[in-house]
Amino acid sequence: MPSLSPTMSEGTIVKWLKQEGDTVEPGDIICDIQTDKAVVSFEVEEEGILAKILLKEDSKDVPVGRMIAVMVDPGEDWKAVEVPAEAEAPAAPAAAAPPPPPTPAAAAPEPAAKKEFSGLRHAGAAPTTVGPAVRTLLELYDIDAANVTATGRHGLLKSDVLAYITQHKLSPQPPTPVPAPGSVSRPAAPASAPSAAPAGDAAYIDIPLSSMRKTIAKRLTQSKTEIPHAYMQSEARIDRLLALRKELKAEGVQASLNDYIIKAVALCLRLQPQLNCVWDGDQLQRPDSVDISVAVATDAGLITPIVVDAAGSSVSAISGQVQDLAARARLGKLKPHEFMGGSFTISNLGMFGVGEFSAIINPPQCGILAVGGGRSQLAADGGSETWLTSTLSYDARAVSEPEAAAFMETLAHLLTNPDLLVTDARRELQQLG
């Protein structure tokens, strides 16, 4: 199992594209592997014959370095290949025999029926009420009160139960319901038996997590706990931008509102390069190019394909890149360099009707912009105007408050006065004309 991304520790074999006995040339793809980021093709660098496939399709969570197939040199008898013993898949462990029941400590004989916790008796004492601390311990450690020697004048003490727990080295376990007096206890089901939903409860299904979702959870938890997130929000009136987009669309420029926002953010990062930075270990680096990662939702999880040199690209070129990257991302066909890297991220939920939200920084980057949907409100002249809310999450170690404020001010200015965003698009139209 190869390491197909810097953060990959295990993978899932999605499909074998070569079969046993097939000739393999350098550069051939032998299988598709689901990494922690996407489905990536595994290209081999040697020639030979694929002699043995050790792990079948849909083999999940295969650790990096585990042997998944065996190749032999051209001309060798591939049918006679010997598979190393350590490469064979480990056999499923045999079902463990149930542990012998613990030897009960010397205790008073089991009464004909268990007494309820509210009516316990001990030798020579009248029924008494058990305190909440004793009740909690009995339920938490699933202890039969009749087995505990009571030393209190009116029954069990907390110290009696603690001494019993220490003596028998008990561990907390889910509490067992206490049967009512005279009830018949039923034996517990074997540990290997699948648990059924209790009667009256709603049915449910288990949803397995993909490798990508596991990695997303791990990295976002790491980001939120290790990076000092700071936030800043701004609003921009985008009526002029919406009118300009409509005008250019009539002239042949096909671009979404998000494409214009990507262009605006890229120009902001060129004008305010303090936010166009990434961490390399403990060293902060500022790339020359402005490469924007765009969050795209897929069935397997969220992935961030990269619009390379967004500041130097026209809106129409950005639109073409985004459409191509998003389509291949949803098919799991992105190459590693197309989603690994980037210097800043944009996450836009405006198309889902979300007004505003905050996002978690995608390390090793130092900033992410969360873009909400446009909202109409009454203008001073009695008409209507459209406003867009954007929230910046930035790494307070790398970016100061004045730098973040300057970035958001520039962004609001570009979205309100968008002519600078379409200079390249108008130039392209003039050349085509």
Protein backbone atom coordinates (compact mmCIF):
# COMPACT_ATOMS: atom_id res chain seq x y z
CA MET A 1 0.00 0.00 0.00
CA PRO A 2 1.69 3.20 -1.15
CA SER A 3 1.55 6.56 0.60
CA LEU A 4 -0.28 8.72 -1.92
CA SER A 5 -0.55 11.86 0.23
CA PRO A 6 1.55 13.35 3.05
CA THR A 7 -1.21 12.68 5.61
CA MET A 8 -2.18 9.21 4.41
CA SER A 9 -1.70 6.40 6.94
CA GLU A 10 -4.13 3.86 5.47
CA GLY A 11 -6.19 3.37 2.33
CA THR A 12 -9.05 1.42 0.82
CA ILE A 13 -8.67 -0.55 -2.41
CA VAL A 14 -11.55 0.64 -4.58
CA LYS A 15 -10.94 -1.29 -7.82
CA TRP A 16 -8.25 -3.44 -9.38
CA LEU A 17 -7.61 -2.33 -12.97
CA LYS A 18 -5.12 -5.14 -13.64
CA GLN A 19 -5.76 -8.81 -12.98
CA GLU A 20 -3.48 -11.70 -12.07
CA GLY A 21 -1.35 -12.66 -15.10
CA ASP A 22 -1.58 -9.20 -16.75
CA THR A 23 1.60 -7.62 -18.08
CA VAL A 24 2.44 -4.30 -16.42
CA GLU A 25 4.53 -1.52 -17.92
CA PRO A 26 6.02 1.51 -16.11
CA GLY A 27 3.28 4.13 -15.72
CA ASP A 28 0.42 1.61 -15.85
CA ILE A 29 -2.34 2.00 -13.27
CA ILE A 30 -2.95 -1.26 -11.43
CA CYS A 31 -5.66 -0.09 -9.00
CA ASP A 32 -7.59 2.87 -7.59
CA ILE A 33 -7.09 3.62 -3.91
CA GLN A 34 -9.28 5.74 -1.64
CA THR A 35 -6.86 7.84 0.41
CA ASP A 36 -7.69 10.25 3.20
CA LYS A 37 -8.28 12.89 0.51
CA ALA A 38 -9.65 11.32 -2.68
CA VAL A 39 -9.57 8.29 -4.95
CA VAL A 40 -6.06 8.18 -6.42
CA SER A 41 -4.68 5.91 -9.13
CA PHE A 42 -1.71 3.73 -8.15
CA GLU A 43 0.88 3.87 -10.95
CA VAL A 44 3.70 1.34 -10.92
CA GLU A 45 7.26 2.26 -11.86
CA GLU A 46 8.53 -1.19 -12.90
CA GLU A 47 7.69 -3.63 -15.65
CA GLY A 48 6.63 -7.16 -14.91
CA ILE A 49 3.63 -9.41 -14.43
CA LEU A 50 0.99 -9.02 -11.74
CA ALA A 51 1.28 -12.47 -10.20
CA LYS A 52 -0.89 -12.34 -7.11
CA ILE A 53 -3.53 -10.00 -5.71
CA LEU A 54 -3.44 -10.34 -1.93
CA LEU A 55 -6.23 -7.96 -0.96
CA LYS A 56 -9.51 -7.84 -2.83
CA GLU A 57 -11.54 -4.82 -3.86
CA ASP A 58 -13.18 -2.88 -1.03
CA SER A 59 -10.46 -3.94 1.43
CA LYS A 60 -10.70 -1.11 3.95
CA ASP A 61 -8.22 0.65 6.25
CA VAL A 62 -5.17 -1.08 4.80
CA PRO A 63 -2.10 0.45 6.49
CA VAL A 64 0.59 2.06 4.36
CA GLY A 65 3.39 -0.44 3.73
CA ARG A 66 1.18 -3.54 3.86
CA MET A 67 1.72 -5.80 0.84
CA ILE A 68 -1.37 -5.80 -1.39
CA ALA A 69 -0.01 -7.61 -4.47
CA VAL A 70 3.01 -9.47 -5.82
CA MET A 71 4.77 -8.83 -9.15
CA VAL A 72 7.38 -10.97 -10.93
CA ASP A 73 9.87 -10.11 -13.63
CA PRO A 74 8.87 -10.53 -17.30
CA GLY A 75 9.25 -14.12 -18.45
CA GLU A 76 8.98 -15.66 -14.99
CA ASP A 77 6.29 -18.21 -14.21
CA TRP A 78 3.83 -15.98 -12.39
CA LYS A 79 1.63 -18.94 -11.42
CA ALA A 80 4.44 -20.44 -9.34
CA VAL A 81 5.05 -17.32 -7.29
CA GLU A 82 5.54 -17.80 -3.58
CA VAL A 83 3.90 -15.25 -1.35
CA PRO A 84 5.93 -14.30 1.74
CA ALA A 85 4.27 -15.57 4.90
CA GLU A 86 4.27 -12.12 6.50
CA ALA A 87 2.41 -10.71 3.47
CA GLU A 88 -0.59 -12.97 3.85
CA ALA A 89 -3.65 -11.40 5.38
CA PRO A 90 -3.86 -12.26 9.07
CA ALA A 91 -6.43 -14.89 9.90
CA ALA A 92 -9.51 -13.76 11.72
CA PRO A 93 -9.02 -14.31 15.43
CA ALA A 94 -10.90 -17.26 16.87
CA ALA A 95 -13.80 -16.42 19.05
CA ALA A 96 -12.53 -16.14 22.59
CA ALA A 97 -13.98 -18.58 25.07
CA PRO A 98 -16.13 -16.86 27.65
CA PRO A 99 -14.18 -16.21 30.86
CA PRO A 100 -15.01 -18.47 33.78
CA PRO A 101 -17.39 -16.93 36.26
CA PRO A 102 -15.60 -15.24 39.17
CA THR A 103 -15.47 -17.18 42.38
CA PRO A 104 -17.97 -15.53 44.68
CA ALA A 105 -16.68 -14.23 47.96
CA ALA A 106 -18.05 -15.69 51.14
CA ALA A 107 -21.34 -13.96 51.65
CA ALA A 108 -24.73 -14.46 53.13
CA PRO A 109 -26.98 -16.92 51.23
CA GLU A 110 -28.90 -15.47 48.30
CA PRO A 111 -32.35 -14.43 49.51
CA ALA A 112 -35.40 -15.87 47.85
CA ALA A 113 -35.90 -12.61 45.99
CA LYS A 114 -33.63 -9.59 45.60
CA LYS A 115 -34.66 -6.72 47.74
CA GLU A 116 -35.29 -3.40 46.11
CA PHE A 117 -32.71 -0.74 46.88
CA SER A 118 -35.38 1.18 48.76
CA GLY A 119 -36.07 -1.77 51.10
CA LEU A 120 -32.72 -3.47 51.87
CA ARG A 121 -32.26 -5.55 54.99
CA HIS A 122 -29.12 -6.57 56.80
CA ALA A 123 -28.64 -9.03 59.64
CA GLY A 124 -30.62 -7.99 62.65
CA ALA A 125 -31.84 -4.72 61.10
CA ALA A 126 -35.19 -3.49 59.96
CA PRO A 127 -35.77 -2.34 56.35
CA THR A 128 -34.04 0.95 55.64
CA THR A 129 -33.67 3.41 52.78
CA VAL A 130 -30.39 3.38 50.86
CA GLY A 131 -28.76 6.76 50.37
CA PRO A 132 -28.18 8.16 46.86
CA ALA A 133 -24.39 7.68 47.04
CA VAL A 134 -24.76 3.97 47.89
CA ARG A 135 -27.45 3.51 45.26
CA THR A 136 -25.23 5.12 42.58
CA LEU A 137 -22.27 2.85 43.40
CA LEU A 138 -24.42 -0.30 43.41
CA GLU A 139 -25.86 0.57 40.00
CA LEU A 140 -22.58 1.78 38.50
CA TYR A 141 -20.67 -1.38 39.44
CA ASP A 142 -23.70 -3.72 39.00
CA ILE A 143 -23.39 -5.06 42.56
CA ASP A 144 -26.02 -7.17 44.30
CA ALA A 145 -26.51 -5.42 47.64
CA ALA A 146 -27.10 -8.77 49.34
CA ASN A 147 -23.44 -9.64 48.71
CA VAL A 148 -22.11 -6.61 50.55
CA THR A 149 -21.57 -6.78 54.30
CA ALA A 150 -23.30 -3.85 55.96
CA THR A 151 -21.66 -2.19 58.94
CA GLY A 152 -24.00 0.72 59.46
CA ARG A 153 -26.66 0.79 62.15
CA HIS A 154 -29.38 1.22 59.54
CA GLY A 155 -27.90 -0.69 56.62
CA LEU A 156 -25.22 -0.22 53.93
CA LEU A 157 -22.73 2.61 54.08
CA LYS A 158 -20.83 4.07 51.16
CA SER A 159 -17.61 2.77 52.75
CA ASP A 160 -19.07 -0.78 52.73
CA VAL A 161 -19.61 -0.65 48.96
CA LEU A 162 -16.21 0.93 48.29
CA ALA A 163 -14.50 -1.77 50.34
CA TYR A 164 -16.36 -4.42 48.32
CA ILE A 165 -15.31 -2.78 45.03
CA THR A 166 -11.66 -2.64 46.14
CA GLN A 167 -11.66 -6.22 47.42
CA HIS A 168 -13.04 -7.62 44.16
CA LYS A 169 -11.22 -5.15 41.86
CA LEU A 170 -14.42 -4.20 40.06
CA SER A 171 -14.71 -1.76 37.16
CA PRO A 172 -17.68 0.43 36.30
CA GLN A 173 -20.12 -1.10 33.84
CA PRO A 174 -23.52 -0.29 32.44
CA PRO A 175 -26.08 -0.58 35.20
CA THR A 176 -28.30 -3.67 35.20
CA PRO A 177 -31.99 -3.06 35.90
CA VAL A 178 -32.96 -4.37 39.33
CA PRO A 179 -35.87 -6.83 39.12
CA ALA A 180 -38.90 -6.34 41.29
CA PRO A 181 -39.47 -8.75 44.20
CA GLY A 182 -40.74 -12.09 42.96
CA SER A 183 -39.67 -11.48 39.35
CA VAL A 184 -37.73 -14.10 37.42
CA SER A 185 -34.33 -13.00 36.11
CA ARG A 186 -33.47 -14.00 32.55
CA PRO A 187 -29.95 -14.99 31.49
CA ALA A 188 -28.06 -12.38 29.52
CA ALA A 189 -27.57 -12.95 25.79
CA PRO A 190 -24.10 -14.15 24.70
CA ALA A 191 -21.59 -11.36 24.07
CA SER A 192 -21.32 -12.34 20.40
CA ALA A 193 -25.04 -12.02 19.72
CA PRO A 194 -25.99 -8.88 17.80
CA SER A 195 -27.95 -6.41 19.86
CA ALA A 196 -31.44 -5.64 18.70
CA ALA A 197 -33.13 -2.30 19.12
CA PRO A 198 -35.33 -2.28 22.23
CA ALA A 199 -39.03 -2.74 21.61
CA GLY A 200 -40.71 0.56 20.90
CA ASP A 201 -37.45 2.29 19.90
CA ALA A 202 -36.99 3.66 16.39
CA ALA A 203 -35.00 1.48 13.99
CA TYR A 204 -31.53 2.67 12.98
CA ILE A 205 -28.63 1.80 10.70
CA ASP A 206 -24.89 2.10 11.27
CA ILE A 207 -23.17 4.52 8.90
CA PRO A 208 -19.48 3.67 8.31
CA LEU A 209 -17.09 6.62 8.13
CA SER A 210 -14.96 6.93 5.01
CA SER A 211 -11.22 7.44 5.31
CA MET A 212 -11.75 11.01 4.10
CA ARG A 213 -14.28 11.83 6.81
CA LYS A 214 -12.04 10.33 9.49
CA THR A 215 -9.17 12.48 8.29
CA ILE A 216 -11.36 15.59 8.10
CA ALA A 217 -12.47 15.06 11.69
CA LYS A 218 -8.90 14.51 12.84
CA ARG A 219 -7.45 17.54 11.03
CA LEU A 220 -10.25 19.94 11.97
CA THR A 221 -10.02 18.89 15.61
CA GLN A 222 -6.27 19.45 15.44
CA SER A 223 -6.80 22.84 13.76
CA LYS A 224 -9.38 24.05 16.27
CA THR A 225 -7.33 22.96 19.29
CA GLU A 226 -3.84 24.01 18.13
CA ILE A 227 -4.45 27.12 16.02
CA PRO A 228 -5.54 30.32 17.82
CA HIS A 229 -8.55 31.19 15.67
CA ALA A 230 -9.55 34.85 15.44
CA TYR A 231 -12.53 36.14 13.49
CA MET A 232 -13.52 39.25 11.58
CA GLN A 233 -16.67 39.99 9.62
CA SER A 234 -17.63 42.52 6.95
CA GLU A 235 -20.60 43.31 4.73
CA ALA A 236 -20.58 44.52 1.14
CA ARG A 237 -23.37 45.82 -1.04
CA ILE A 238 -23.24 43.73 -4.22
CA ASP A 239 -25.95 45.27 -6.42
CA ARG A 240 -23.33 46.60 -8.85
CA LEU A 241 -21.60 43.19 -8.94
CA LEU A 242 -24.87 41.38 -9.70
CA ALA A 243 -25.71 43.86 -12.48
CA LEU A 244 -22.20 43.56 -13.95
CA ARG A 245 -22.37 39.76 -13.90
CA LYS A 246 -25.71 39.88 -15.73
CA GLU A 247 -24.28 42.31 -18.28
CA LEU A 248 -21.18 40.18 -18.94
CA LYS A 249 -23.24 37.00 -19.12
CA ALA A 250 -25.23 38.56 -21.97
CA GLU A 251 -21.88 39.23 -23.69
CA GLY A 252 -20.74 35.61 -23.31
CA VAL A 253 -18.84 35.54 -20.00
CA GLN A 254 -20.19 32.51 -18.12
CA ALA A 255 -19.25 32.85 -14.46
CA SER A 256 -21.04 32.34 -11.16
CA LEU A 257 -21.13 34.81 -8.29
CA ASN A 258 -18.67 32.54 -6.47
CA ASP A 259 -16.19 32.91 -9.34
CA TYR A 260 -16.25 36.69 -8.91
CA ILE A 261 -15.75 36.26 -5.16
CA ILE A 262 -12.72 34.00 -5.80
CA LYS A 263 -11.27 36.68 -8.06
CA ALA A 264 -11.93 39.39 -5.46
CA VAL A 265 -10.29 37.36 -2.67
CA ALA A 266 -7.27 36.59 -4.88
CA LEU A 267 -6.76 40.30 -5.65
CA CYS A 268 -7.10 41.08 -1.94
CA LEU A 269 -4.36 38.56 -1.15
CA ARG A 270 -2.14 40.17 -3.76
CA LEU A 271 -2.80 43.62 -2.26
CA GLN A 272 -2.66 42.31 1.33
CA PRO A 273 -0.10 39.48 1.10
CA GLN A 274 0.14 39.07 4.88
CA LEU A 275 -2.75 36.58 4.70
CA ASN A 276 -1.30 34.66 1.75
CA CYS A 277 0.92 32.51 3.97
CA VAL A 278 1.35 28.90 5.08
CA TRP A 279 3.25 27.10 7.83
CA ASP A 280 6.20 24.84 7.06
CA GLY A 281 6.80 23.34 10.47
CA ASP A 282 7.54 26.32 12.72
CA GLN A 283 8.49 28.53 9.77
CA LEU A 284 5.95 30.87 8.17
CA GLN A 285 6.23 31.08 4.37
CA ARG A 286 4.65 33.44 1.86
CA PRO A 287 4.18 31.88 -1.62
CA ASP A 288 4.64 34.06 -4.69
CA SER A 289 1.46 32.70 -6.28
CA VAL A 290 -2.07 33.17 -4.93
CA ASP A 291 -3.58 29.67 -5.05
CA ILE A 292 -7.15 29.53 -3.75
CA SER A 293 -8.56 26.30 -2.29
CA VAL A 294 -12.31 26.07 -2.89
CA ALA A 295 -14.39 23.85 -0.58
CA VAL A 296 -16.42 21.28 -2.57
CA ALA A 297 -18.86 18.85 -0.95
CA THR A 298 -18.71 15.23 -2.14
CA ASP A 299 -20.43 12.06 -0.96
CA ALA A 300 -17.19 10.96 0.72
CA GLY A 301 -16.62 14.29 2.48
CA LEU A 302 -15.36 17.81 1.93
CA ILE A 303 -12.39 18.36 -0.39
CA THR A 304 -10.64 21.58 -1.42
CA PRO A 305 -9.41 21.60 -5.05
CA ILE A 306 -7.07 24.45 -5.88
CA VAL A 307 -7.53 27.31 -8.36
CA VAL A 308 -3.90 27.99 -9.27
CA ASP A 309 -2.78 31.62 -9.73
CA ALA A 310 -6.29 32.94 -9.18
CA ALA A 311 -5.01 36.53 -8.93
CA GLY A 312 -3.53 36.29 -12.42
CA SER A 313 -6.52 34.52 -13.98
CA SER A 314 -9.61 36.07 -15.51
CA VAL A 315 -13.04 35.44 -14.05
CA SER A 316 -13.95 33.22 -17.01
CA ALA A 317 -10.72 31.21 -16.59
CA ILE A 318 -11.46 30.79 -12.87
CA SER A 319 -14.97 29.61 -13.76
CA GLY A 320 -13.58 26.98 -16.12
CA GLN A 321 -11.12 25.72 -13.50
CA VAL A 322 -13.74 25.53 -10.76
CA GLN A 323 -16.24 23.63 -12.90
CA ASP A 324 -13.63 21.11 -14.02
CA LEU A 325 -12.16 20.62 -10.55
CA ALA A 326 -15.54 20.33 -8.83
CA ALA A 327 -16.82 17.77 -11.36
CA ARG A 328 -13.74 15.56 -10.99
CA ALA A 329 -13.74 16.01 -7.21
CA ARG A 330 -17.26 14.57 -6.99
CA LEU A 331 -16.11 11.63 -9.12
CA GLY A 332 -13.02 11.12 -6.95
CA LYS A 333 -10.72 11.71 -9.92
CA LEU A 334 -8.56 14.58 -8.66
CA LYS A 335 -4.80 14.13 -8.74
CA PRO A 336 -2.92 14.82 -5.48
CA HIS A 337 -1.39 18.12 -6.66
CA GLU A 338 -4.89 19.40 -7.51
CA PHE A 339 -6.11 19.34 -3.90
CA MET A 340 -2.92 19.34 -1.80
CA GLY A 341 -1.51 22.80 -1.17
CA GLY A 342 -3.11 26.17 -1.71
CA SER A 343 -2.44 29.35 0.24
CA PHE A 344 -5.99 30.38 1.28
CA THR A 345 -9.44 28.74 1.36
CA ILE A 346 -12.96 29.92 0.48
CA SER A 347 -16.08 28.13 1.71
CA ASN A 348 -19.36 29.40 0.24
CA LEU A 349 -22.72 28.20 1.61
CA GLY A 350 -24.77 31.03 0.18
CA MET A 351 -26.41 28.74 -2.39
CA PHE A 352 -27.91 26.76 0.52
CA GLY A 353 -29.61 29.80 1.98
CA VAL A 354 -27.06 30.26 4.78
CA GLY A 355 -26.80 33.93 5.74
CA GLU A 356 -23.47 33.79 7.56
CA PHE A 357 -21.21 31.27 9.30
CA SER A 358 -17.64 30.79 10.45
CA ALA A 359 -15.21 28.18 9.15
CA ILE A 360 -12.26 26.27 10.60
CA ILE A 361 -8.80 27.04 9.20
CA ASN A 362 -7.38 24.40 6.87
CA PRO A 363 -3.76 23.85 8.01
CA PRO A 364 -1.06 24.65 7.06
CA GLN A 365 -2.89 27.71 5.72
CA CYS A 366 -3.50 30.74 7.92
CA GLY A 367 -6.92 31.90 6.74
CA ILE A 368 -10.30 30.83 5.42
CA LEU A 369 -13.21 33.00 4.25
CA ALA A 370 -16.78 31.85 4.97
CA VAL A 371 -19.21 33.42 2.47
CA GLY A 372 -22.94 33.57 3.12
CA GLY A 373 -25.82 34.29 0.77
CA GLY A 374 -26.95 37.72 -0.40
CA ARG A 375 -29.88 39.28 1.43
CA SER A 376 -32.17 42.05 0.27
CA GLN A 377 -33.10 44.92 2.53
CA LEU A 378 -34.87 48.23 2.23
CA ALA A 379 -32.71 51.07 0.92
CA ALA A 380 -32.85 54.65 2.17
CA ASP A 381 -34.50 55.77 -1.08
CA GLY A 382 -37.31 53.25 -0.66
CA GLY A 383 -35.87 50.72 -3.09
CA SER A 384 -34.04 47.49 -2.23
CA GLU A 385 -30.36 46.66 -1.99
CA THR A 386 -28.46 43.38 -1.69
CA TRP A 387 -25.80 42.77 0.95
CA LEU A 388 -23.32 39.92 1.35
CA THR A 389 -21.75 38.87 4.68
CA SER A 390 -18.28 37.35 4.79
CA THR A 391 -16.50 36.00 7.88
CA LEU A 392 -12.73 35.64 8.00
CA SER A 393 -11.13 33.04 10.29
CA TYR A 394 -7.40 33.71 10.63
CA ASP A 395 -4.42 32.39 12.56
CA ALA A 396 -3.63 35.02 15.20
CA ARG A 397 0.00 33.85 15.32
CA ALA A 398 0.56 34.76 11.68
CA VAL A 399 -1.90 37.61 11.05
CA SER A 400 -2.48 40.69 13.18
CA GLU A 401 -5.85 42.37 13.70
CA PRO A 402 -4.94 45.44 11.58
CA GLU A 403 -3.81 43.16 8.73
CA ALA A 404 -7.05 41.17 8.89
CA ALA A 405 -9.07 44.39 9.01
CA ALA A 406 -7.24 45.78 5.97
CA PHE A 407 -7.98 42.56 4.07
CA MET A 408 -11.69 42.68 4.87
CA GLU A 409 -11.89 46.38 4.01
CA THR A 410 -10.27 45.75 0.63
CA LEU A 411 -12.60 42.81 -0.03
CA ALA A 412 -15.69 44.86 0.74
CA HIS A 413 -14.44 47.63 -1.55
CA LEU A 414 -13.83 45.24 -4.47
CA LEU A 415 -17.22 43.57 -4.11
CA THR A 416 -18.97 46.95 -3.92
CA ASN A 417 -16.95 48.37 -6.85
CA PRO A 418 -16.29 45.30 -9.02
CA ASP A 419 -14.92 46.93 -12.19
CA LEU A 420 -11.38 45.87 -11.30
CA LEU A 421 -12.52 42.24 -11.17
CA VAL A 422 -13.62 42.15 -14.80
CA THR A 423 -10.78 44.00 -16.49
CA ASP A 424 -9.37 40.72 -17.80
CA ALA A 425 -12.81 39.52 -18.90
CA ARG A 426 -13.46 42.69 -20.93
CA ARG A 427 -10.03 42.41 -22.49
CA GLU A 428 -10.82 38.83 -23.56
CA LEU A 429 -14.12 39.94 -25.07
CA GLN A 430 -12.34 42.68 -27.03
CA GLN A 431 -9.82 40.16 -28.36
CA LEU A 432 -12.60 37.77 -29.37
CA GLY A 433 -14.48 40.62 -31.02
